[in-house]
N, C-alpha and C. Protein backbone atom coordinates (compact mmCIF):
# COMPACT_ATOMS: atom_id res chain seq x y z
N UNK A 1 -22.20 20.21 -61.61
CA UNK A 1 -21.80 19.49 -60.67
C UNK A 1 -23.15 19.17 -59.97
N UNK A 2 -24.31 19.57 -60.25
CA UNK A 2 -25.57 19.23 -59.96
C UNK A 2 -25.66 17.78 -59.57
N UNK A 3 -26.39 17.48 -58.42
CA UNK A 3 -26.13 16.12 -58.14
C UNK A 3 -25.15 15.39 -57.31
N UNK A 4 -24.09 15.97 -57.19
CA UNK A 4 -22.66 15.58 -56.44
C UNK A 4 -22.95 15.79 -55.25
N UNK A 5 -22.42 14.92 -54.40
CA UNK A 5 -22.30 15.05 -52.74
C UNK A 5 -21.36 16.68 -52.55
N UNK A 6 -21.63 16.87 -51.50
CA UNK A 6 -20.58 18.06 -51.13
C UNK A 6 -19.08 17.44 -50.80
N UNK A 7 -19.01 16.16 -50.60
CA UNK A 7 -17.74 15.26 -50.55
C UNK A 7 -17.24 15.49 -51.67
N UNK A 8 -17.90 14.88 -53.13
CA UNK A 8 -17.46 14.81 -54.24
C UNK A 8 -17.01 15.88 -55.16
N UNK A 9 -18.00 16.88 -54.65
CA UNK A 9 -17.81 18.52 -55.28
C UNK A 9 -16.40 18.36 -54.55
N UNK A 10 -15.75 18.71 -53.21
CA UNK A 10 -14.39 18.93 -52.39
C UNK A 10 -13.83 18.39 -53.32
N UNK A 11 -13.26 16.73 -53.70
CA UNK A 11 -12.71 16.01 -53.92
C UNK A 11 -12.16 16.39 -55.61
N UNK A 12 -13.45 16.36 -56.30
CA UNK A 12 -13.21 17.22 -57.63
C UNK A 12 -12.58 18.46 -57.59
N UNK A 13 -12.82 19.51 -56.73
CA UNK A 13 -12.19 20.42 -56.80
C UNK A 13 -10.91 20.44 -56.32
N UNK A 14 -10.34 19.54 -55.45
CA UNK A 14 -9.28 19.67 -55.19
C UNK A 14 -8.46 18.29 -55.84
N UNK A 15 -8.80 18.17 -57.19
CA UNK A 15 -8.04 17.02 -58.41
C UNK A 15 -7.20 18.28 -58.60
N UNK A 16 -5.89 17.38 -59.27
CA UNK A 16 -5.14 17.92 -59.56
C UNK A 16 -5.38 17.99 -61.54
N UNK A 17 -5.45 18.88 -62.05
CA UNK A 17 -5.81 18.86 -63.29
C UNK A 17 -5.01 18.20 -64.10
N UNK A 18 -3.49 17.52 -63.73
CA UNK A 18 -2.63 16.95 -64.55
C UNK A 18 -2.74 15.52 -64.23
N UNK A 19 -3.71 15.14 -63.24
CA UNK A 19 -4.09 13.69 -63.20
C UNK A 19 -4.31 12.78 -63.99
N UNK A 20 -3.52 11.52 -63.76
CA UNK A 20 -3.92 10.82 -64.43
C UNK A 20 -4.60 9.42 -64.26
N UNK A 21 -5.41 8.53 -65.01
CA UNK A 21 -5.58 7.28 -64.67
C UNK A 21 -4.57 6.11 -64.42
N UNK A 22 -5.11 5.29 -63.54
CA UNK A 22 -4.29 4.13 -63.08
C UNK A 22 -3.57 3.75 -64.89
N UNK A 23 -4.52 3.60 -65.48
CA UNK A 23 -4.43 2.62 -66.70
C UNK A 23 -3.60 3.31 -67.76
N UNK A 24 -3.12 4.84 -67.57
CA UNK A 24 -2.78 5.73 -68.24
C UNK A 24 -1.02 5.71 -67.84
N UNK A 25 -1.05 5.68 -66.23
CA UNK A 25 0.24 5.92 -65.81
C UNK A 25 0.46 4.14 -66.26
N UNK A 26 0.15 3.41 -65.99
CA UNK A 26 0.34 1.73 -65.96
C UNK A 26 0.82 1.88 -67.50
N UNK A 27 0.13 2.16 -68.36
CA UNK A 27 0.55 1.62 -69.79
C UNK A 27 2.15 2.67 -70.02
N UNK A 28 2.14 3.46 -69.53
CA UNK A 28 3.35 4.60 -69.87
C UNK A 28 4.44 4.17 -69.09
N UNK A 29 4.48 3.20 -67.69
CA UNK A 29 5.16 2.68 -67.08
C UNK A 29 5.74 1.13 -67.15
N UNK A 30 4.77 0.65 -68.11
CA UNK A 30 4.84 -0.59 -68.63
C UNK A 30 4.29 -1.75 -67.63
N UNK A 31 3.60 -1.51 -66.73
CA UNK A 31 2.71 -2.14 -65.65
C UNK A 31 4.01 -2.59 -64.73
N UNK A 32 5.06 -2.03 -64.59
CA UNK A 32 6.17 -2.01 -63.28
C UNK A 32 5.78 -1.29 -62.40
N UNK A 33 5.94 -1.77 -61.05
CA UNK A 33 6.17 -0.77 -59.81
C UNK A 33 7.22 -0.04 -59.98
N UNK A 34 7.45 1.23 -59.72
CA UNK A 34 8.67 1.89 -59.67
C UNK A 34 9.56 1.89 -58.37
N UNK A 35 8.74 1.48 -57.38
CA UNK A 35 9.45 1.37 -55.78
C UNK A 35 10.23 0.11 -55.96
N UNK A 36 9.73 -1.28 -56.46
CA UNK A 36 10.20 -2.64 -56.05
C UNK A 36 10.69 -2.97 -57.41
N UNK A 37 10.47 -2.30 -59.01
CA UNK A 37 10.58 -2.94 -59.76
C UNK A 37 10.08 -4.49 -60.23
N UNK A 38 8.82 -4.59 -59.72
CA UNK A 38 8.23 -5.88 -60.06
C UNK A 38 7.29 -5.67 -60.50
N UNK A 39 6.76 -6.48 -61.43
CA UNK A 39 5.27 -6.50 -62.62
C UNK A 39 4.29 -6.23 -61.63
N UNK A 40 3.23 -4.95 -61.74
CA UNK A 40 2.25 -4.62 -61.45
C UNK A 40 1.08 -5.53 -62.02
N UNK A 41 0.06 -6.17 -61.47
CA UNK A 41 -1.32 -6.86 -62.42
C UNK A 41 -2.52 -5.94 -62.43
N UNK A 42 -2.43 -5.30 -63.92
CA UNK A 42 -3.85 -4.66 -64.11
C UNK A 42 -4.93 -4.94 -63.99
N UNK A 43 -5.47 -6.17 -63.83
CA UNK A 43 -6.55 -6.98 -63.60
C UNK A 43 -6.49 -7.10 -61.70
N UNK A 44 -5.66 -6.78 -61.14
CA UNK A 44 -6.19 -6.71 -59.43
C UNK A 44 -6.76 -5.49 -59.20
N UNK A 45 -7.42 -5.81 -58.20
CA UNK A 45 -8.35 -4.88 -57.37
C UNK A 45 -7.17 -3.85 -57.02
N UNK A 46 -7.72 -2.48 -56.87
CA UNK A 46 -6.89 -1.32 -56.50
C UNK A 46 -6.81 -1.39 -54.90
N UNK A 47 -7.79 -2.21 -54.22
CA UNK A 47 -7.78 -2.75 -53.03
C UNK A 47 -6.76 -3.68 -52.38
N UNK A 48 -6.52 -4.75 -53.19
CA UNK A 48 -5.26 -5.33 -53.58
C UNK A 48 -4.18 -5.25 -53.09
N UNK A 49 -3.20 -5.63 -52.21
CA UNK A 49 -1.73 -5.06 -52.05
C UNK A 49 -1.24 -5.02 -52.95
N UNK A 50 -1.18 -5.91 -53.92
CA UNK A 50 -0.28 -6.11 -55.38
C UNK A 50 -1.15 -5.51 -56.37
N UNK A 51 -2.41 -4.53 -56.05
CA UNK A 51 -3.16 -4.15 -57.01
C UNK A 51 -2.42 -2.75 -57.59
N UNK A 52 -2.75 -2.08 -58.41
CA UNK A 52 -1.89 -1.06 -59.02
C UNK A 52 -2.41 0.29 -58.28
N UNK A 53 -1.74 1.46 -58.08
CA UNK A 53 -2.10 2.34 -57.62
C UNK A 53 -0.80 3.81 -57.92
N UNK A 54 -1.44 4.67 -58.24
CA UNK A 54 -0.79 6.04 -58.72
C UNK A 54 0.09 6.61 -57.45
N UNK A 55 1.35 6.92 -57.83
CA UNK A 55 2.50 7.78 -56.37
C UNK A 55 2.85 8.79 -57.15
N UNK A 56 3.62 9.31 -56.47
CA UNK A 56 4.66 10.84 -56.62
C UNK A 56 5.65 10.16 -56.22
N UNK A 57 7.08 10.93 -56.74
CA UNK A 57 8.22 10.61 -56.27
C UNK A 57 8.74 11.36 -55.18
N UNK A 58 7.68 12.38 -54.90
CA UNK A 58 8.13 13.24 -53.82
C UNK A 58 6.32 13.08 -52.73
N UNK A 59 6.96 13.92 -51.60
CA UNK A 59 5.62 13.71 -50.97
C UNK A 59 4.78 14.97 -51.44
N UNK A 60 3.53 15.21 -51.05
CA UNK A 60 2.78 16.02 -51.68
C UNK A 60 3.29 17.43 -51.11
N UNK A 61 3.64 17.35 -49.70
CA UNK A 61 4.34 19.02 -49.20
C UNK A 61 5.51 19.24 -49.79
N UNK A 62 6.45 18.58 -50.43
CA UNK A 62 7.44 18.97 -50.82
C UNK A 62 7.17 18.85 -52.94
N UNK A 63 6.10 18.49 -53.22
CA UNK A 63 6.00 18.62 -54.75
C UNK A 63 6.05 19.54 -55.29
N UNK A 64 4.98 20.96 -54.78
CA UNK A 64 5.15 22.51 -54.80
C UNK A 64 6.40 22.83 -55.35
N UNK A 65 6.99 22.59 -54.12
CA UNK A 65 8.40 23.29 -54.32
C UNK A 65 9.34 22.63 -55.60
N UNK A 66 9.58 21.47 -55.43
CA UNK A 66 10.15 20.55 -56.53
C UNK A 66 9.64 21.27 -58.01
N UNK A 67 8.63 21.26 -58.32
CA UNK A 67 7.86 21.15 -59.88
C UNK A 67 8.47 22.62 -59.99
N UNK A 68 8.20 23.61 -58.93
CA UNK A 68 8.63 24.85 -59.30
C UNK A 68 9.98 24.92 -59.54
N UNK A 69 10.95 24.55 -58.58
CA UNK A 69 12.50 24.68 -59.06
C UNK A 69 12.90 24.10 -59.99
N UNK A 70 12.08 23.01 -60.18
CA UNK A 70 12.56 22.22 -61.75
C UNK A 70 12.00 22.93 -62.87
N UNK A 71 10.76 23.71 -62.82
CA UNK A 71 10.18 23.63 -63.82
C UNK A 71 9.34 23.10 -64.67
N UNK A 72 9.22 21.80 -64.18
CA UNK A 72 8.42 20.67 -64.88
C UNK A 72 7.96 20.21 -63.55
N UNK A 73 6.23 19.70 -64.42
CA UNK A 73 5.70 19.17 -63.39
C UNK A 73 6.28 17.84 -63.29
N UNK A 74 5.73 17.25 -61.77
CA UNK A 74 6.28 16.11 -61.76
C UNK A 74 5.26 14.90 -61.85
N UNK A 75 5.94 14.11 -62.86
CA UNK A 75 4.86 12.62 -63.34
C UNK A 75 4.51 12.11 -61.96
N UNK A 76 3.28 11.29 -62.39
CA UNK A 76 2.69 10.14 -61.60
C UNK A 76 3.41 9.02 -62.04
N UNK A 77 3.78 8.07 -61.07
CA UNK A 77 4.49 6.82 -61.02
C UNK A 77 3.23 5.53 -60.74
N UNK A 78 3.75 4.45 -61.38
CA UNK A 78 2.79 3.33 -61.13
C UNK A 78 3.21 2.72 -59.85
N UNK A 79 2.76 2.25 -58.72
CA UNK A 79 3.47 1.30 -57.66
C UNK A 79 2.29 0.38 -57.09
N UNK A 80 2.90 -0.65 -56.66
CA UNK A 80 1.78 -1.74 -56.24
C UNK A 80 1.39 -0.72 -54.94
N UNK A 81 -0.22 -1.16 -54.46
CA UNK A 81 -0.66 -0.28 -53.41
C UNK A 81 0.36 -0.66 -52.01
N UNK A 82 0.74 -1.75 -51.77
CA UNK A 82 1.35 -2.28 -50.60
C UNK A 82 3.02 -1.17 -50.71
N UNK A 83 3.60 -1.09 -51.71
CA UNK A 83 4.31 -0.34 -51.99
C UNK A 83 4.65 1.10 -51.74
N UNK A 84 3.62 1.66 -52.11
CA UNK A 84 2.88 2.90 -51.95
C UNK A 84 2.30 3.08 -50.51
N UNK A 85 1.95 2.32 -49.99
CA UNK A 85 1.28 2.45 -48.64
C UNK A 85 2.73 2.60 -47.74
N UNK A 86 3.38 1.14 -48.18
CA UNK A 86 4.55 1.41 -46.94
C UNK A 86 5.65 2.62 -47.15
N UNK A 87 5.51 3.17 -48.31
CA UNK A 87 6.32 4.67 -48.46
C UNK A 87 5.95 5.52 -47.55
N UNK A 88 4.16 5.77 -47.45
CA UNK A 88 3.70 6.68 -46.99
C UNK A 88 4.35 8.27 -47.30
N UNK A 89 4.27 8.72 -46.88
CA UNK A 89 4.84 10.44 -46.94
C UNK A 89 6.31 10.59 -46.78
N UNK A 90 7.14 9.43 -46.67
CA UNK A 90 8.48 9.74 -46.40
C UNK A 90 8.92 9.54 -48.06
N UNK A 91 10.18 9.77 -48.12
CA UNK A 91 11.06 10.06 -49.28
C UNK A 91 11.36 8.27 -49.76
N UNK A 92 10.87 8.48 -50.72
CA UNK A 92 11.00 6.81 -51.06
C UNK A 92 12.72 6.25 -51.03
N UNK A 93 12.59 5.06 -51.28
CA UNK A 93 14.19 4.50 -51.09
C UNK A 93 14.14 3.13 -52.16
N UNK A 94 15.29 2.95 -53.28
CA UNK A 94 15.50 2.02 -54.00
C UNK A 94 16.39 1.12 -53.46
N UNK A 95 16.09 -0.14 -53.12
CA UNK A 95 17.05 -0.74 -52.59
C UNK A 95 17.95 -1.63 -53.40
N UNK A 96 19.35 -1.74 -53.39
CA UNK A 96 19.84 -2.59 -54.10
C UNK A 96 19.83 -4.14 -53.89
N UNK A 97 19.61 -4.98 -54.97
CA UNK A 97 19.29 -6.29 -54.81
C UNK A 97 20.19 -6.92 -53.72
N UNK A 98 19.83 -8.13 -52.96
CA UNK A 98 20.84 -8.95 -52.09
C UNK A 98 21.81 -9.73 -52.94
N UNK A 99 21.61 -9.96 -54.30
CA UNK A 99 22.20 -10.85 -54.91
C UNK A 99 23.81 -10.33 -55.47
N UNK A 100 23.64 -8.55 -55.19
CA UNK A 100 24.56 -7.86 -56.03
C UNK A 100 25.64 -7.71 -54.63
N UNK A 101 27.03 -7.81 -55.32
CA UNK A 101 28.35 -7.53 -53.76
C UNK A 101 28.54 -6.16 -53.98
N UNK A 102 27.80 -5.26 -53.13
CA UNK A 102 28.38 -3.52 -53.32
C UNK A 102 28.76 -3.21 -52.24
N UNK A 103 29.67 -2.71 -51.79
CA UNK A 103 30.11 -2.61 -50.45
C UNK A 103 29.58 -0.69 -50.49
N UNK A 104 29.22 -0.31 -49.70
CA UNK A 104 28.87 1.12 -49.39
C UNK A 104 28.34 1.97 -50.58
N UNK A 105 26.89 1.38 -50.63
CA UNK A 105 26.16 1.51 -51.96
C UNK A 105 25.46 2.87 -51.77
N UNK A 106 25.43 3.66 -52.91
CA UNK A 106 24.86 5.32 -52.82
C UNK A 106 23.22 5.16 -52.35
N UNK A 107 22.70 6.34 -52.35
CA UNK A 107 21.39 6.12 -52.72
C UNK A 107 20.79 6.47 -53.90
N UNK A 108 20.08 5.72 -54.26
CA UNK A 108 19.90 5.73 -55.63
C UNK A 108 18.94 6.92 -56.22
N UNK A 109 17.89 7.11 -55.25
CA UNK A 109 17.00 7.84 -55.87
C UNK A 109 17.86 9.69 -56.09
N UNK A 110 18.64 10.11 -54.51
CA UNK A 110 19.54 11.35 -54.42
C UNK A 110 20.34 11.30 -55.56
N UNK A 111 21.17 10.11 -55.82
CA UNK A 111 22.05 10.42 -56.92
C UNK A 111 21.26 10.41 -58.23
N UNK A 112 20.34 9.79 -58.50
CA UNK A 112 19.78 10.32 -59.69
C UNK A 112 19.27 11.54 -59.95
N UNK A 113 18.69 12.13 -59.13
CA UNK A 113 17.92 13.54 -58.65
C UNK A 113 19.27 14.46 -59.11
N UNK A 114 20.22 14.20 -58.32
CA UNK A 114 21.26 15.26 -58.61
C UNK A 114 21.81 15.34 -59.94
N UNK A 115 21.99 14.09 -60.54
CA UNK A 115 22.29 13.91 -62.09
C UNK A 115 21.38 14.30 -63.02
N UNK A 116 20.12 14.27 -62.58
CA UNK A 116 18.81 14.87 -63.57
C UNK A 116 18.97 16.59 -63.11
N UNK A 117 19.19 16.89 -62.24
CA UNK A 117 19.84 18.69 -62.14
C UNK A 117 20.94 19.28 -62.87
N UNK A 118 21.98 18.33 -62.14
CA UNK A 118 23.43 18.98 -62.75
C UNK A 118 24.54 18.34 -63.77
N UNK A 119 24.13 16.89 -64.04
CA UNK A 119 24.88 16.11 -64.82
C UNK A 119 26.05 15.94 -63.97
N UNK A 120 26.92 14.92 -64.64
CA UNK A 120 28.12 14.69 -63.97
C UNK A 120 28.22 13.34 -63.95
N UNK A 121 28.81 12.93 -62.86
CA UNK A 121 29.00 11.62 -62.48
C UNK A 121 28.65 11.49 -60.79
N UNK A 122 28.31 10.45 -60.53
CA UNK A 122 28.28 10.19 -59.23
C UNK A 122 28.82 8.61 -58.93
N UNK A 123 29.56 8.54 -57.65
CA UNK A 123 30.17 7.20 -56.94
C UNK A 123 28.93 6.57 -56.47
N UNK A 124 28.71 5.10 -57.30
CA UNK A 124 27.58 4.36 -56.21
C UNK A 124 27.57 3.29 -56.07
N UNK A 125 29.24 3.11 -55.39
CA UNK A 125 29.36 2.02 -54.63
C UNK A 125 30.75 1.24 -54.99
N UNK A 126 31.34 0.51 -54.28
CA UNK A 126 32.37 -0.39 -54.50
C UNK A 126 32.10 -1.59 -54.46
N UNK A 127 32.94 -2.67 -55.51
CA UNK A 127 32.83 -3.86 -55.68
C UNK A 127 33.98 -4.69 -55.57
N UNK A 128 34.19 -5.69 -54.76
CA UNK A 128 35.29 -6.67 -54.97
C UNK A 128 36.00 -7.54 -55.93
N UNK A 129 35.17 -7.46 -56.61
CA UNK A 129 36.06 -7.65 -57.85
C UNK A 129 35.14 -7.21 -59.12
N UNK A 130 35.86 -7.55 -60.58
CA UNK A 130 35.65 -6.89 -61.40
C UNK A 130 33.95 -7.57 -62.02
N UNK A 131 34.00 -8.66 -62.07
CA UNK A 131 32.84 -9.23 -62.42
C UNK A 131 31.47 -8.65 -61.59
N UNK A 132 31.91 -8.36 -60.65
CA UNK A 132 30.80 -8.24 -59.25
C UNK A 132 30.17 -6.81 -60.02
N UNK A 133 31.46 -5.85 -60.17
CA UNK A 133 31.21 -4.49 -60.38
C UNK A 133 30.33 -4.71 -62.10
N UNK A 134 30.52 -5.13 -62.67
CA UNK A 134 30.08 -5.34 -64.14
C UNK A 134 28.60 -5.93 -63.87
N UNK A 135 28.18 -7.01 -63.21
CA UNK A 135 26.78 -6.93 -63.10
C UNK A 135 26.09 -6.03 -62.04
N UNK A 136 26.84 -5.33 -61.25
CA UNK A 136 26.22 -4.11 -60.32
C UNK A 136 25.79 -2.83 -61.56
N UNK A 137 26.69 -2.72 -62.44
CA UNK A 137 26.86 -1.78 -63.59
C UNK A 137 25.60 -1.72 -64.66
N UNK A 138 25.31 -3.25 -64.40
CA UNK A 138 24.27 -3.71 -65.75
C UNK A 138 22.89 -3.42 -64.97
N UNK A 139 22.83 -3.80 -63.96
CA UNK A 139 21.59 -3.98 -63.02
C UNK A 139 21.11 -2.23 -62.74
N UNK A 140 22.16 -1.40 -62.37
CA UNK A 140 21.95 0.03 -62.39
C UNK A 140 21.49 0.88 -63.38
N UNK A 141 22.27 0.44 -64.58
CA UNK A 141 21.84 1.25 -65.81
C UNK A 141 20.30 0.73 -66.00
N UNK A 142 19.95 -0.41 -65.78
CA UNK A 142 18.81 -0.93 -66.38
C UNK A 142 17.76 -0.49 -65.21
N UNK A 143 18.12 -0.28 -63.92
CA UNK A 143 17.00 0.16 -63.14
C UNK A 143 16.94 1.70 -63.15
N UNK A 144 17.97 2.28 -63.42
CA UNK A 144 17.56 3.66 -63.49
C UNK A 144 17.45 4.42 -65.05
N UNK A 145 17.13 3.49 -65.77
CA UNK A 145 16.07 3.72 -67.08
C UNK A 145 14.96 3.75 -66.85
N UNK A 146 14.17 2.99 -66.06
CA UNK A 146 12.89 2.98 -65.43
C UNK A 146 12.57 4.38 -64.64
N UNK A 147 13.51 4.17 -63.71
CA UNK A 147 13.27 5.32 -62.50
C UNK A 147 13.27 6.28 -63.02
N UNK A 148 14.15 6.96 -64.08
CA UNK A 148 14.09 7.76 -64.88
C UNK A 148 14.06 8.16 -65.86
N UNK A 149 13.45 7.68 -66.85
CA UNK A 149 13.41 7.12 -68.12
C UNK A 149 13.82 8.49 -69.17
N UNK A 150 13.88 9.70 -68.88
CA UNK A 150 13.97 10.78 -69.55
C UNK A 150 15.76 11.07 -69.59
N UNK A 151 16.30 10.67 -68.24
CA UNK A 151 17.94 10.74 -68.15
C UNK A 151 18.77 9.90 -69.08
N UNK A 152 19.52 10.10 -69.44
CA UNK A 152 20.40 9.13 -70.31
C UNK A 152 22.04 9.06 -69.37
N UNK A 153 21.82 7.87 -69.30
CA UNK A 153 22.83 7.74 -68.21
C UNK A 153 24.06 6.41 -68.97
N UNK A 154 25.41 6.58 -68.47
CA UNK A 154 26.12 5.58 -68.50
C UNK A 154 26.76 5.10 -67.23
N UNK A 155 27.47 3.76 -67.18
CA UNK A 155 28.29 3.64 -65.96
C UNK A 155 29.71 3.19 -66.56
N UNK A 156 30.48 3.39 -65.79
CA UNK A 156 31.94 3.21 -65.79
C UNK A 156 32.63 2.33 -64.31
N UNK A 157 33.36 1.68 -64.40
CA UNK A 157 34.17 1.01 -63.72
C UNK A 157 35.56 1.60 -63.35
N UNK A 158 36.23 1.90 -62.17
CA UNK A 158 37.77 2.20 -62.15
C UNK A 158 38.13 1.72 -61.24
N UNK A 159 39.07 0.59 -61.45
CA UNK A 159 39.79 -0.25 -60.54
C UNK A 159 40.91 1.06 -59.70
N UNK A 160 40.94 0.24 -58.34
CA UNK A 160 41.82 1.04 -57.86
C UNK A 160 41.91 0.08 -56.23
N UNK A 161 42.91 0.37 -55.70
CA UNK A 161 43.35 -0.34 -53.95
C UNK A 161 42.64 -1.80 -53.74
N UNK A 162 42.60 -2.38 -55.05
CA UNK A 162 42.30 -3.96 -54.93
C UNK A 162 40.79 -3.77 -55.02
N UNK A 163 39.72 -2.56 -55.55
CA UNK A 163 38.61 -2.85 -55.51
C UNK A 163 38.25 -1.99 -56.75
N UNK A 164 36.81 -2.21 -57.35
CA UNK A 164 36.40 -1.67 -58.51
C UNK A 164 35.30 -0.21 -57.81
N UNK A 165 35.54 0.55 -58.32
CA UNK A 165 34.62 1.85 -58.28
C UNK A 165 33.63 2.05 -59.05
N UNK A 166 32.33 1.74 -58.77
CA UNK A 166 31.03 2.00 -59.74
C UNK A 166 30.67 3.60 -59.86
N UNK A 167 30.59 4.02 -61.07
CA UNK A 167 30.42 5.18 -61.17
C UNK A 167 29.20 5.41 -62.17
N UNK A 168 28.07 6.21 -62.20
CA UNK A 168 27.00 6.39 -62.88
C UNK A 168 27.07 8.03 -63.51
N UNK A 169 27.21 7.99 -64.76
CA UNK A 169 27.36 9.19 -65.64
C UNK A 169 26.14 9.52 -66.15
N UNK A 170 25.62 11.04 -66.14
CA UNK A 170 24.94 11.86 -67.16
C UNK A 170 25.74 12.95 -67.89
N UNK A 171 25.31 13.31 -69.05
CA UNK A 171 25.87 14.23 -69.97
C UNK A 171 25.16 15.49 -70.21
N UNK A 172 23.99 15.50 -68.84
CA UNK A 172 23.01 16.68 -68.76
C UNK A 172 23.71 17.60 -68.81
């Protein structure tokens, strides 16, 4: 560490030994932002709002508790700089697309975290028609497969009361 400034030495000492480069995280995540699910351009500057950045699913304050309680370190995720900055130190939110007709939609991150820990099923929302429920189920399954790649999920649709209940299942 000869010749390094005090700030550089301090930054190096505080680095996570499991930290990964943007390229490694980008390749693993298929160059898609985990927050907005849009493509990330690897050639853009990291200072550009649409440029790549490395993010964590949980804030730094909660990461030690989460990784200890779950027994595995939390993987860094690829995000647009603007998405990462916009999230800040808050719990991230994954929005349901406007084109899907889902009433009382569940919070996707919270449901996926519960399914990762305990397995079972989660009611994700209600749809007025079966085609709406099928479209929402297809989108949800695709989105969860990128959000939590290690979690094997299925969806089901249960009719009742003139509506269709969308369920997300995990056999964990």
